[in-house]
C-alpha atoms as a PDB file:
ATOM      1  CA  MET A   1      72.063 169.997  56.652  1.00  0.00           C
ATOM      2  CA  GLU A   2      71.501 173.452  58.130  1.00  0.00           C
ATOM      3  CA  ASN A   3      70.718 171.915  61.524  1.00  0.00           C
ATOM      4  CA  VAL A   4      74.082 170.145  61.530  1.00  0.00           C
ATOM      5  CA  MET A   5      75.856 173.432  60.831  1.00  0.00           C
ATOM      6  CA  VAL A   6      73.963 175.226  63.603  1.00  0.00           C
ATOM      7  CA  ILE A   7      74.715 172.457  66.106  1.00  0.00           C
ATOM      8  CA  GLY A   8      78.350 172.438  65.017  1.00  0.00           C
ATOM      9  CA  MET A   9      78.699 176.201  65.462  1.00  0.00           C
ATOM     10  CA  LYS A  10      77.086 176.065  68.893  1.00  0.00           C
ATOM     11  CA  THR A  11      79.452 173.270  69.895  1.00  0.00           C
ATOM     12  CA  VAL A  12      82.479 175.242  68.716  1.00  0.00           C
ATOM     13  CA  ILE A  13      81.315 178.323  70.634  1.00  0.00           C
ATOM     14  CA  VAL A  14      80.742 176.316  73.838  1.00  0.00           C
ATOM     15  CA  VAL A  15      84.117 174.555  73.598  1.00  0.00           C
ATOM     16  CA  LEU A  16      85.996 177.795  72.907  1.00  0.00           C
ATOM     17  CA  GLY A  17      84.145 179.493  75.769  1.00  0.00           C
ATOM     18  CA  ALA A  18      85.089 176.686  78.158  1.00  0.00           C
ATOM     19  CA  VAL A  19      88.735 176.831  77.071  1.00  0.00           C
ATOM     20  CA  LEU A  20      88.821 180.609  77.513  1.00  0.00           C
ATOM     21  CA  TYR A  21      87.171 180.345  80.937  1.00  0.00           C
ATOM     22  CA  ILE A  22      89.714 177.780  82.166  1.00  0.00           C
ATOM     23  CA  ALA A  23      92.560 179.826  80.689  1.00  0.00           C
ATOM     24  CA  LEU A  24      91.399 182.901  82.595  1.00  0.00           C
ATOM     25  CA  ALA A  25      91.127 180.900  85.815  1.00  0.00           C
ATOM     26  CA  ARG A  26      94.628 179.470  85.378  1.00  0.00           C
ATOM     27  CA  THR A  27      96.004 182.925  84.591  1.00  0.00           C
ATOM     28  CA  ALA A  28      94.469 184.294  87.796  1.00  0.00           C
ATOM     29  CA  ILE A  29      95.977 181.453  89.835  1.00  0.00           C
ATOM     30  CA  ILE A  30      99.409 181.775  88.218  1.00  0.00           C
ATOM     31  CA  TYR A  31      99.319 185.552  88.792  1.00  0.00           C
ATOM     32  CA  SER A  32      98.539 185.006  92.466  1.00  0.00           C
ATOM     33  CA  LEU A  33     101.460 182.588  92.848  1.00  0.00           C
ATOM     34  CA  GLY A  34     103.937 184.758  90.976  1.00  0.00           C
ATOM     35  CA  ALA A  35     106.813 186.594  92.586  1.00  0.00           C
ATOM     36  CA  ASN A  36     105.722 190.006  91.338  1.00  0.00           C
ATOM     37  CA  LYS A  37     105.631 193.284  93.189  1.00  0.00           C
ATOM     38  CA  SER A  38     101.865 193.647  93.221  1.00  0.00           C
ATOM     39  CA  PRO A  39     100.173 194.116  96.597  1.00  0.00           C
ATOM     40  CA  LYS A  40      99.591 190.935  98.567  1.00  0.00           C
ATOM     41  CA  GLY A  41      95.847 191.613  98.838  1.00  0.00           C
ATOM     42  CA  SER A  42      95.550 191.704  95.061  1.00  0.00           C
ATOM     43  CA  ARG A  43      97.378 188.396  94.683  1.00  0.00           C
ATOM     44  CA  ILE A  44      95.169 186.763  97.327  1.00  0.00           C
ATOM     45  CA  PHE A  45      92.048 188.067  95.560  1.00  0.00           C
ATOM     46  CA  PHE A  46      93.139 186.691  92.168  1.00  0.00           C
ATOM     47  CA  GLY A  47      94.079 183.344  93.743  1.00  0.00           C
ATOM     48  CA  ILE A  48      90.659 182.988  95.319  1.00  0.00           C
ATOM     49  CA  LEU A  49      89.003 184.144  92.089  1.00  0.00           C
ATOM     50  CA  GLY A  50      90.885 181.570  90.004  1.00  0.00           C
ATOM     51  CA  VAL A  51      90.093 178.712  92.371  1.00  0.00           C
ATOM     52  CA  ALA A  52      86.438 179.760  92.525  1.00  0.00           C
ATOM     53  CA  MET A  53      86.253 179.850  88.725  1.00  0.00           C
ATOM     54  CA  ILE A  54      87.618 176.311  88.419  1.00  0.00           C
ATOM     55  CA  TYR A  55      85.309 175.120  91.239  1.00  0.00           C
ATOM     56  CA  VAL A  56      82.252 176.582  89.491  1.00  0.00           C
ATOM     57  CA  PHE A  57      83.326 175.111  86.139  1.00  0.00           C
ATOM     58  CA  VAL A  58      83.693 171.595  87.577  1.00  0.00           C
ATOM     59  CA  HIS A  59      80.354 171.748  89.365  1.00  0.00           C
ATOM     60  CA  MET A  60      78.628 173.117  86.266  1.00  0.00           C
ATOM     61  CA  CYS A  61      80.023 170.211  84.219  1.00  0.00           C
ATOM     62  CA  ILE A  62      78.779 167.731  86.831  1.00  0.00           C
ATOM     63  CA  TYR A  63      75.355 169.438  86.916  1.00  0.00           C
ATOM     64  CA  LEU A  64      75.024 169.415  83.133  1.00  0.00           C
ATOM     65  CA  HIS A  65      76.091 165.760  82.942  1.00  0.00           C
ATOM     66  CA  LYS A  66      73.285 164.691  85.316  1.00  0.00           C
END
């Protein structure tokens, strides 16, 4: 029974981590597309960062599935 609880907690931590990671990537992309008064270089950096985060997440999922 303890093994089930440990596996369940690890699963919850991994799922919440993945959701947080994707949320941060989407926030970076939305920030880069926004019509705010931040410098253009900063918006470009956050756009590239967000896309890179999603790219890495997708490839990590594919790698772990194989």
